């Protein structure tokens, strides 16, 4: 598992996907830092840990209670959510 800043997390996930095979990496972060009462950091970390226990090898991004395959996710700065690229 890897914690990462949200602005470039999807870029790092795509890079790792090109470099690493047969390993499981789950990247996660927080839209609101942990020092704020409304932080989503612990929720996202807990989700990332749960996903890491059930996912097959690959590179993933865990945010907002969802998990996304690297290369198929983007940060929507307007909504403050990560979303699947369709």
PDB file of N, CA and C in Angstrom:
ATOM      1  N   UNK A   1       0.850  -1.158   0.000  1.00  0.00           N
ATOM      2  CA  UNK A   1       0.000   0.000   0.000  1.00  0.00           C
ATOM      3  C   UNK A   1       0.903   1.230   0.000  1.00  0.00           C
ATOM      4  N   UNK A   2       0.424   2.289  -0.641  1.00  0.00           N
ATOM      5  CA  UNK A   2       1.207   3.508  -0.780  1.00  0.00           C
ATOM      6  C   UNK A   2       0.281   4.702  -0.618  1.00  0.00           C
ATOM      7  N   UNK A   3       0.618   5.603   0.313  1.00  0.00           N
ATOM      8  CA  UNK A   3      -0.137   6.853   0.419  1.00  0.00           C
ATOM      9  C   UNK A   3       0.522   7.872  -0.498  1.00  0.00           C
ATOM     10  N   UNK A   4      -0.287   8.743  -1.062  1.00  0.00           N
ATOM     11  CA  UNK A   4       0.212   9.619  -2.123  1.00  0.00           C
ATOM     12  C   UNK A   4      -0.652  10.863  -2.177  1.00  0.00           C
ATOM     13  N   UNK A   5      -0.116  11.958  -2.674  1.00  0.00           N
ATOM     14  CA  UNK A   5      -0.901  13.163  -2.914  1.00  0.00           C
ATOM     15  C   UNK A   5      -1.920  12.916  -4.014  1.00  0.00           C
ATOM     16  N   UNK A   6      -3.057  13.583  -3.934  1.00  0.00           N
ATOM     17  CA  UNK A   6      -4.144  13.296  -4.876  1.00  0.00           C
ATOM     18  C   UNK A   6      -3.916  13.841  -6.287  1.00  0.00           C
ATOM     19  N   UNK A   7      -3.185  14.925  -6.426  1.00  0.00           N
ATOM     20  CA  UNK A   7      -3.065  15.549  -7.747  1.00  0.00           C
ATOM     21  C   UNK A   7      -2.323  14.692  -8.766  1.00  0.00           C
ATOM     22  N   UNK A   8      -1.341  13.914  -8.327  1.00  0.00           N
ATOM     23  CA  UNK A   8      -0.550  13.105  -9.262  1.00  0.00           C
ATOM     24  C   UNK A   8      -0.649  11.600  -8.998  1.00  0.00           C
ATOM     25  N   UNK A   9      -1.557  11.195  -8.132  1.00  0.00           N
ATOM     26  CA  UNK A   9      -1.669   9.783  -7.767  1.00  0.00           C
ATOM     27  C   UNK A   9      -1.998   8.912  -8.978  1.00  0.00           C
ATOM     28  N   UNK A  10      -2.858   9.362  -9.861  1.00  0.00           N
ATOM     29  CA  UNK A  10      -3.221   8.541 -11.023  1.00  0.00           C
ATOM     30  C   UNK A  10      -2.037   8.397 -11.986  1.00  0.00           C
ATOM     31  N   UNK A  11      -1.210   9.420 -12.069  1.00  0.00           N
ATOM     32  CA  UNK A  11      -0.011   9.354 -12.919  1.00  0.00           C
ATOM     33  C   UNK A  11       0.967   8.331 -12.354  1.00  0.00           C
ATOM     34  N   UNK A  12       1.166   8.358 -11.038  1.00  0.00           N
ATOM     35  CA  UNK A  12       2.046   7.382 -10.395  1.00  0.00           C
ATOM     36  C   UNK A  12       1.507   5.969 -10.585  1.00  0.00           C
ATOM     37  N   UNK A  13       0.196   5.791 -10.453  1.00  0.00           N
ATOM     38  CA  UNK A  13      -0.405   4.468 -10.637  1.00  0.00           C
ATOM     39  C   UNK A  13      -0.151   3.949 -12.050  1.00  0.00           C
ATOM     40  N   UNK A  14      -0.299   4.793 -13.040  1.00  0.00           N
ATOM     41  CA  UNK A  14      -0.049   4.383 -14.423  1.00  0.00           C
ATOM     42  C   UNK A  14       1.422   4.037 -14.633  1.00  0.00           C
ATOM     43  N   UNK A  15       2.325   4.810 -14.032  1.00  0.00           N
ATOM     44  CA  UNK A  15       3.757   4.523 -14.137  1.00  0.00           C
ATOM     45  C   UNK A  15       4.073   3.167 -13.514  1.00  0.00           C
ATOM     46  N   UNK A  16       3.553   2.928 -12.305  1.00  0.00           N
ATOM     47  CA  UNK A  16       3.794   1.646 -11.637  1.00  0.00           C
ATOM     48  C   UNK A  16       3.242   0.487 -12.451  1.00  0.00           C
ATOM     49  N   UNK A  17       2.106   0.698 -13.094  1.00  0.00           N
ATOM     50  CA  UNK A  17       1.493  -0.348 -13.908  1.00  0.00           C
ATOM     51  C   UNK A  17       2.414  -0.760 -15.060  1.00  0.00           C
ATOM     52  N   UNK A  18       3.152   0.194 -15.605  1.00  0.00           N
ATOM     53  CA  UNK A  18       4.074  -0.089 -16.708  1.00  0.00           C
ATOM     54  C   UNK A  18       5.363  -0.764 -16.225  1.00  0.00           C
ATOM     55  N   UNK A  19       5.705  -0.569 -14.953  1.00  0.00           N
ATOM     56  CA  UNK A  19       6.985  -1.034 -14.432  1.00  0.00           C
ATOM     57  C   UNK A  19       6.918  -2.339 -13.631  1.00  0.00           C
ATOM     58  N   UNK A  20       5.773  -2.645 -13.057  1.00  0.00           N
ATOM     59  CA  UNK A  20       5.680  -3.736 -12.085  1.00  0.00           C
ATOM     60  C   UNK A  20       4.665  -4.770 -12.546  1.00  0.00           C
ATOM     61  N   UNK A  21       5.051  -6.025 -12.480  1.00  0.00           N
ATOM     62  CA  UNK A  21       4.167  -7.137 -12.833  1.00  0.00           C
ATOM     63  C   UNK A  21       4.033  -8.081 -11.642  1.00  0.00           C
ATOM     64  N   UNK A  22       2.893  -8.724 -11.547  1.00  0.00           N
ATOM     65  CA  UNK A  22       2.645  -9.776 -10.552  1.00  0.00           C
ATOM     66  C   UNK A  22       2.794  -9.315  -9.108  1.00  0.00           C
ATOM     67  N   UNK A  23       2.566  -8.051  -8.852  1.00  0.00           N
ATOM     68  CA  UNK A  23       2.565  -7.496  -7.498  1.00  0.00           C
ATOM     69  C   UNK A  23       1.272  -6.715  -7.310  1.00  0.00           C
ATOM     70  N   UNK A  24       0.886  -6.541  -6.071  1.00  0.00           N
ATOM     71  CA  UNK A  24      -0.314  -5.765  -5.754  1.00  0.00           C
ATOM     72  C   UNK A  24       0.094  -4.462  -5.085  1.00  0.00           C
ATOM     73  N   UNK A  25      -0.330  -3.346  -5.676  1.00  0.00           N
ATOM     74  CA  UNK A  25      -0.134  -2.031  -5.081  1.00  0.00           C
ATOM     75  C   UNK A  25      -1.478  -1.321  -5.045  1.00  0.00           C
ATOM     76  N   UNK A  26      -1.807  -0.753  -3.906  1.00  0.00           N
ATOM     77  CA  UNK A  26      -3.016   0.053  -3.766  1.00  0.00           C
ATOM     78  C   UNK A  26      -2.576   1.428  -3.286  1.00  0.00           C
ATOM     79  N   UNK A  27      -2.800   2.435  -4.101  1.00  0.00           N
ATOM     80  CA  UNK A  27      -2.474   3.807  -3.740  1.00  0.00           C
ATOM     81  C   UNK A  27      -3.708   4.464  -3.150  1.00  0.00           C
ATOM     82  N   UNK A  28      -3.514   5.271  -2.115  1.00  0.00           N
ATOM     83  CA  UNK A  28      -4.631   5.991  -1.516  1.00  0.00           C
ATOM     84  C   UNK A  28      -4.146   7.333  -0.998  1.00  0.00           C
ATOM     85  N   UNK A  29      -5.087   8.165  -0.640  1.00  0.00           N
ATOM     86  CA  UNK A  29      -4.773   9.509  -0.181  1.00  0.00           C
ATOM     87  C   UNK A  29      -5.979  10.066   0.561  1.00  0.00           C
ATOM     88  N   UNK A  30      -5.984  11.371   0.733  1.00  0.00           N
ATOM     89  CA  UNK A  30      -7.117  12.059   1.360  1.00  0.00           C
ATOM     90  C   UNK A  30      -7.351  13.368   0.636  1.00  0.00           C
ATOM     91  N   UNK A  31      -8.608  13.689   0.421  1.00  0.00           N
ATOM     92  CA  UNK A  31      -8.946  14.984  -0.160  1.00  0.00           C
ATOM     93  C   UNK A  31      -8.826  16.075   0.898  1.00  0.00           C
ATOM     94  N   UNK A  32      -9.029  15.691   2.165  1.00  0.00           N
ATOM     95  CA  UNK A  32      -8.903  16.612   3.290  1.00  0.00           C
ATOM     96  C   UNK A  32      -7.850  16.052   4.245  1.00  0.00           C
ATOM     97  N   UNK A  33      -6.816  16.816   4.588  1.00  0.00           N
ATOM     98  CA  UNK A  33      -5.753  16.316   5.460  1.00  0.00           C
ATOM     99  C   UNK A  33      -6.275  15.819   6.812  1.00  0.00           C
ATOM    100  N   UNK A  34      -5.523  14.915   7.420  1.00  0.00           N
ATOM    101  CA  UNK A  34      -5.940  14.284   8.666  1.00  0.00           C
ATOM    102  C   UNK A  34      -6.058  15.277   9.816  1.00  0.00           C
ATOM    103  N   UNK A  35      -5.393  16.400   9.745  1.00  0.00           N
ATOM    104  CA  UNK A  35      -5.468  17.361  10.846  1.00  0.00           C
ATOM    105  C   UNK A  35      -6.838  18.037  10.947  1.00  0.00           C
ATOM    106  N   UNK A  36      -7.677  17.867   9.932  1.00  0.00           N
ATOM    107  CA  UNK A  36      -9.030  18.417   9.966  1.00  0.00           C
ATOM    108  C   UNK A  36     -10.020  17.347  10.422  1.00  0.00           C
ATOM    109  N   UNK A  37     -11.021  17.747  11.195  1.00  0.00           N
ATOM    110  CA  UNK A  37     -12.006  16.803  11.708  1.00  0.00           C
ATOM    111  C   UNK A  37     -12.768  16.087  10.600  1.00  0.00           C
ATOM    112  N   UNK A  38     -12.935  16.729   9.475  1.00  0.00           N
ATOM    113  CA  UNK A  38     -13.714  16.141   8.382  1.00  0.00           C
ATOM    114  C   UNK A  38     -12.852  15.334   7.411  1.00  0.00           C
ATOM    115  N   UNK A  39     -11.639  14.971   7.808  1.00  0.00           N
ATOM    116  CA  UNK A  39     -10.735  14.258   6.911  1.00  0.00           C
ATOM    117  C   UNK A  39     -11.290  12.897   6.502  1.00  0.00           C
ATOM    118  N   UNK A  40     -11.039  12.564   5.262  1.00  0.00           N
ATOM    119  CA  UNK A  40     -11.416  11.251   4.742  1.00  0.00           C
ATOM    120  C   UNK A  40     -10.229  10.286   4.747  1.00  0.00           C
ATOM    121  N   UNK A  41      -9.145  10.682   5.374  1.00  0.00           N
ATOM    122  CA  UNK A  41      -7.910   9.892   5.320  1.00  0.00           C
ATOM    123  C   UNK A  41      -8.054   8.512   5.944  1.00  0.00           C
ATOM    124  N   UNK A  42      -8.611   8.412   7.135  1.00  0.00           N
ATOM    125  CA  UNK A  42      -8.725   7.108   7.785  1.00  0.00           C
ATOM    126  C   UNK A  42      -9.702   6.197   7.054  1.00  0.00           C
ATOM    127  N   UNK A  43     -10.776   6.758   6.540  1.00  0.00           N
ATOM    128  CA  UNK A  43     -11.729   5.971   5.749  1.00  0.00           C
ATOM    129  C   UNK A  43     -11.044   5.408   4.514  1.00  0.00           C
ATOM    130  N   UNK A  44     -10.319   6.259   3.781  1.00  0.00           N
ATOM    131  CA  UNK A  44      -9.637   5.813   2.567  1.00  0.00           C
ATOM    132  C   UNK A  44      -8.561   4.783   2.878  1.00  0.00           C
ATOM    133  N   UNK A  45      -7.829   4.979   3.967  1.00  0.00           N
ATOM    134  CA  UNK A  45      -6.802   4.016   4.353  1.00  0.00           C
ATOM    135  C   UNK A  45      -7.430   2.665   4.696  1.00  0.00           C
ATOM    136  N   UNK A  46      -8.508   2.683   5.456  1.00  0.00           N
ATOM    137  CA  UNK A  46      -9.203   1.443   5.792  1.00  0.00           C
ATOM    138  C   UNK A  46      -9.710   0.719   4.563  1.00  0.00           C
ATOM    139  N   UNK A  47     -10.266   1.465   3.631  1.00  0.00           N
ATOM    140  CA  UNK A  47     -10.737   0.859   2.379  1.00  0.00           C
ATOM    141  C   UNK A  47      -9.570   0.259   1.595  1.00  0.00           C
ATOM    142  N   UNK A  48      -8.461   0.970   1.536  1.00  0.00           N
ATOM    143  CA  UNK A  48      -7.286   0.475   0.805  1.00  0.00           C
ATOM    144  C   UNK A  48      -6.785  -0.827   1.417  1.00  0.00           C
ATOM    145  N   UNK A  49      -6.776  -0.908   2.730  1.00  0.00           N
ATOM    146  CA  UNK A  49      -6.343  -2.136   3.403  1.00  0.00           C
ATOM    147  C   UNK A  49      -7.296  -3.281   3.070  1.00  0.00           C
ATOM    148  N   UNK A  50      -8.585  -3.024   3.107  1.00  0.00           N
ATOM    149  CA  UNK A  50      -9.573  -4.059   2.775  1.00  0.00           C
ATOM    150  C   UNK A  50      -9.429  -4.509   1.318  1.00  0.00           C
ATOM    151  N   UNK A  51      -9.290  -3.553   0.414  1.00  0.00           N
ATOM    152  CA  UNK A  51      -9.132  -3.904  -0.995  1.00  0.00           C
ATOM    153  C   UNK A  51      -7.861  -4.721  -1.217  1.00  0.00           C
ATOM    154  N   UNK A  52      -6.781  -4.361  -0.524  1.00  0.00           N
ATOM    155  CA  UNK A  52      -5.505  -5.062  -0.687  1.00  0.00           C
ATOM    156  C   UNK A  52      -5.609  -6.530  -0.278  1.00  0.00           C
ATOM    157  N   UNK A  53      -6.549  -6.844   0.565  1.00  0.00           N
ATOM    158  CA  UNK A  53      -6.721  -8.228   1.008  1.00  0.00           C
ATOM    159  C   UNK A  53      -7.546  -9.068   0.046  1.00  0.00           C
ATOM    160  N   UNK A  54      -8.205  -8.415  -0.912  1.00  0.00           N
ATOM    161  CA  UNK A  54      -9.119  -9.155  -1.782  1.00  0.00           C
ATOM    162  C   UNK A  54      -8.807  -9.049  -3.273  1.00  0.00           C
ATOM    163  N   UNK A  55      -7.997  -8.095  -3.674  1.00  0.00           N
ATOM    164  CA  UNK A  55      -7.744  -7.868  -5.097  1.00  0.00           C
ATOM    165  C   UNK A  55      -6.658  -8.786  -5.651  1.00  0.00           C
ATOM    166  N   UNK A  56      -6.751  -9.114  -6.934  1.00  0.00           N
ATOM    167  CA  UNK A  56      -5.656  -9.844  -7.584  1.00  0.00           C
ATOM    168  C   UNK A  56      -4.485  -8.892  -7.829  1.00  0.00           C
ATOM    169  N   UNK A  57      -3.310  -9.420  -8.166  1.00  0.00           N
ATOM    170  CA  UNK A  57      -2.165  -8.545  -8.456  1.00  0.00           C
ATOM    171  C   UNK A  57      -2.525  -7.486  -9.495  1.00  0.00           C
ATOM    172  N   UNK A  58      -2.005  -6.307  -9.287  1.00  0.00           N
ATOM    173  CA  UNK A  58      -2.248  -5.183 -10.182  1.00  0.00           C
ATOM    174  C   UNK A  58      -2.013  -3.892  -9.429  1.00  0.00           C
ATOM    175  N   UNK A  59      -2.187  -2.787 -10.104  1.00  0.00           N
ATOM    176  CA  UNK A  59      -2.010  -1.463  -9.517  1.00  0.00           C
ATOM    177  C   UNK A  59      -3.382  -0.808  -9.454  1.00  0.00           C
ATOM    178  N   UNK A  60      -3.740  -0.320  -8.263  1.00  0.00           N
ATOM    179  CA  UNK A  60      -5.072   0.223  -8.031  1.00  0.00           C
ATOM    180  C   UNK A  60      -4.996   1.550  -7.278  1.00  0.00           C
ATOM    181  N   UNK A  61      -6.061   2.329  -7.400  1.00  0.00           N
ATOM    182  CA  UNK A  61      -6.262   3.550  -6.632  1.00  0.00           C
ATOM    183  C   UNK A  61      -7.529   3.350  -5.806  1.00  0.00           C
ATOM    184  N   UNK A  62      -7.417   3.542  -4.489  1.00  0.00           N
ATOM    185  CA  UNK A  62      -8.570   3.412  -3.594  1.00  0.00           C
ATOM    186  C   UNK A  62      -8.905   4.789  -3.033  1.00  0.00           C
ATOM    187  N   UNK A  63     -10.076   5.279  -3.405  1.00  0.00           N
ATOM    188  CA  UNK A  63     -10.532   6.589  -2.938  1.00  0.00           C
ATOM    189  C   UNK A  63     -12.056   6.578  -2.861  1.00  0.00           C
ATOM    190  N   UNK A  64     -12.598   7.308  -1.916  1.00  0.00           N
ATOM    191  CA  UNK A  64     -14.046   7.511  -1.804  1.00  0.00           C
ATOM    192  C   UNK A  64     -14.818   6.199  -1.659  1.00  0.00           C
ATOM    193  N   UNK A  65     -14.205   5.194  -1.029  1.00  0.00           N
ATOM    194  CA  UNK A  65     -14.874   3.919  -0.836  1.00  0.00           C
ATOM    195  C   UNK A  65     -14.926   3.042  -2.077  1.00  0.00           C
ATOM    196  N   UNK A  66     -14.189   3.428  -3.097  1.00  0.00           N
ATOM    197  CA  UNK A  66     -14.167   2.677  -4.356  1.00  0.00           C
ATOM    198  C   UNK A  66     -12.731   2.324  -4.704  1.00  0.00           C
ATOM    199  N   UNK A  67     -12.589   1.339  -5.541  1.00  0.00           N
ATOM    200  CA  UNK A  67     -11.263   0.973  -6.029  1.00  0.00           C
ATOM    201  C   UNK A  67     -11.287   1.040  -7.554  1.00  0.00           C
ATOM    202  N   UNK A  68     -10.195   1.543  -8.113  1.00  0.00           N
ATOM    203  CA  UNK A  68     -10.095   1.742  -9.558  1.00  0.00           C
ATOM    204  C   UNK A  68      -8.794   1.116 -10.048  1.00  0.00           C
ATOM    205  N   UNK A  69      -8.840   0.517 -11.211  1.00  0.00           N
ATOM    206  CA  UNK A  69      -7.641  -0.016 -11.852  1.00  0.00           C
ATOM    207  C   UNK A  69      -6.829   1.152 -12.406  1.00  0.00           C
ATOM    208  N   UNK A  70      -5.509   1.080 -12.233  1.00  0.00           N
ATOM    209  CA  UNK A  70      -4.637   2.119 -12.781  1.00  0.00           C
ATOM    210  C   UNK A  70      -4.892   2.287 -14.269  1.00  0.00           C
ATOM    211  N   UNK A  71      -4.881   3.523 -14.729  1.00  0.00           N
ATOM    212  CA  UNK A  71      -5.145   3.820 -16.129  1.00  0.00           C
ATOM    213  C   UNK A  71      -6.616   3.999 -16.443  1.00  0.00           C
ATOM    214  N   UNK A  72      -7.468   3.760 -15.452  1.00  0.00           N
ATOM    215  CA  UNK A  72      -8.911   3.858 -15.676  1.00  0.00           C
ATOM    216  C   UNK A  72      -9.572   4.754 -14.626  1.00  0.00           C
ATOM    217  N   UNK A  73      -8.815   5.744 -14.134  1.00  0.00           N
ATOM    218  CA  UNK A  73      -9.320   6.606 -13.071  1.00  0.00           C
ATOM    219  C   UNK A  73      -8.779   8.025 -13.258  1.00  0.00           C
ATOM    220  N   UNK A  74      -9.581   8.982 -12.828  1.00  0.00           N
ATOM    221  CA  UNK A  74      -9.129  10.380 -12.848  1.00  0.00           C
ATOM    222  C   UNK A  74      -9.700  11.090 -11.621  1.00  0.00           C
ATOM    223  N   UNK A  75      -9.044  12.166 -11.255  1.00  0.00           N
ATOM    224  CA  UNK A  75      -9.520  13.010 -10.158  1.00  0.00           C
ATOM    225  C   UNK A  75     -10.394  14.103 -10.757  1.00  0.00           C
ATOM    226  N   UNK A  76     -11.618  14.202 -10.281  1.00  0.00           N
ATOM    227  CA  UNK A  76     -12.525  15.259 -10.707  1.00  0.00           C
ATOM    228  C   UNK A  76     -12.394  16.387  -9.678  1.00  0.00           C
ATOM    229  N   UNK A  77     -11.699  17.435 -10.036  1.00  0.00           N
ATOM    230  CA  UNK A  77     -11.444  18.536  -9.098  1.00  0.00           C
ATOM    231  C   UNK A  77     -12.708  19.326  -8.768  1.00  0.00           C
ATOM    232  N   UNK A  78     -13.704  19.269  -9.625  1.00  0.00           N
ATOM    233  CA  UNK A  78     -14.949  19.988  -9.362  1.00  0.00           C
ATOM    234  C   UNK A  78     -15.789  19.303  -8.290  1.00  0.00           C
ATOM    235  N   UNK A  79     -15.846  17.975  -8.342  1.00  0.00           N
ATOM    236  CA  UNK A  79     -16.659  17.239  -7.372  1.00  0.00           C
ATOM    237  C   UNK A  79     -15.864  16.787  -6.155  1.00  0.00           C
ATOM    238  N   UNK A  80     -14.536  16.783  -6.277  1.00  0.00           N
ATOM    239  CA  UNK A  80     -13.699  16.297  -5.189  1.00  0.00           C
ATOM    240  C   UNK A  80     -13.714  14.794  -5.059  1.00  0.00           C
ATOM    241  N   UNK A  81     -14.054  14.105  -6.149  1.00  0.00           N
ATOM    242  CA  UNK A  81     -14.116  12.641  -6.161  1.00  0.00           C
ATOM    243  C   UNK A  81     -13.237  12.069  -7.252  1.00  0.00           C
ATOM    244  N   UNK A  82     -12.823  10.833  -7.040  1.00  0.00           N
ATOM    245  CA  UNK A  82     -12.151  10.089  -8.099  1.00  0.00           C
ATOM    246  C   UNK A  82     -13.231   9.314  -8.834  1.00  0.00           C
ATOM    247  N   UNK A  83     -13.058   9.193 -10.159  1.00  0.00           N
ATOM    248  CA  UNK A  83     -14.073   8.564 -10.975  1.00  0.00           C
ATOM    249  C   UNK A  83     -13.440   7.716 -12.060  1.00  0.00           C
ATOM    250  N   UNK A  84     -14.197   6.728 -12.492  1.00  0.00           N
ATOM    251  CA  UNK A  84     -13.752   5.852 -13.561  1.00  0.00           C
ATOM    252  C   UNK A  84     -13.761   6.603 -14.884  1.00  0.00           C
ATOM    253  N   UNK A  85     -12.764   6.365 -15.689  1.00  0.00           N
ATOM    254  CA  UNK A  85     -12.709   6.936 -17.038  1.00  0.00           C
ATOM    255  C   UNK A  85     -13.513   6.019 -17.935  1.00  0.00           C
ATOM    256  N   UNK A  86     -14.472   6.585 -18.609  1.00  0.00           N
ATOM    257  CA  UNK A  86     -15.343   5.787 -19.487  1.00  0.00           C
ATOM    258  C   UNK A  86     -14.964   5.990 -20.928  1.00  0.00           C
TER     259      UNK A  86
END
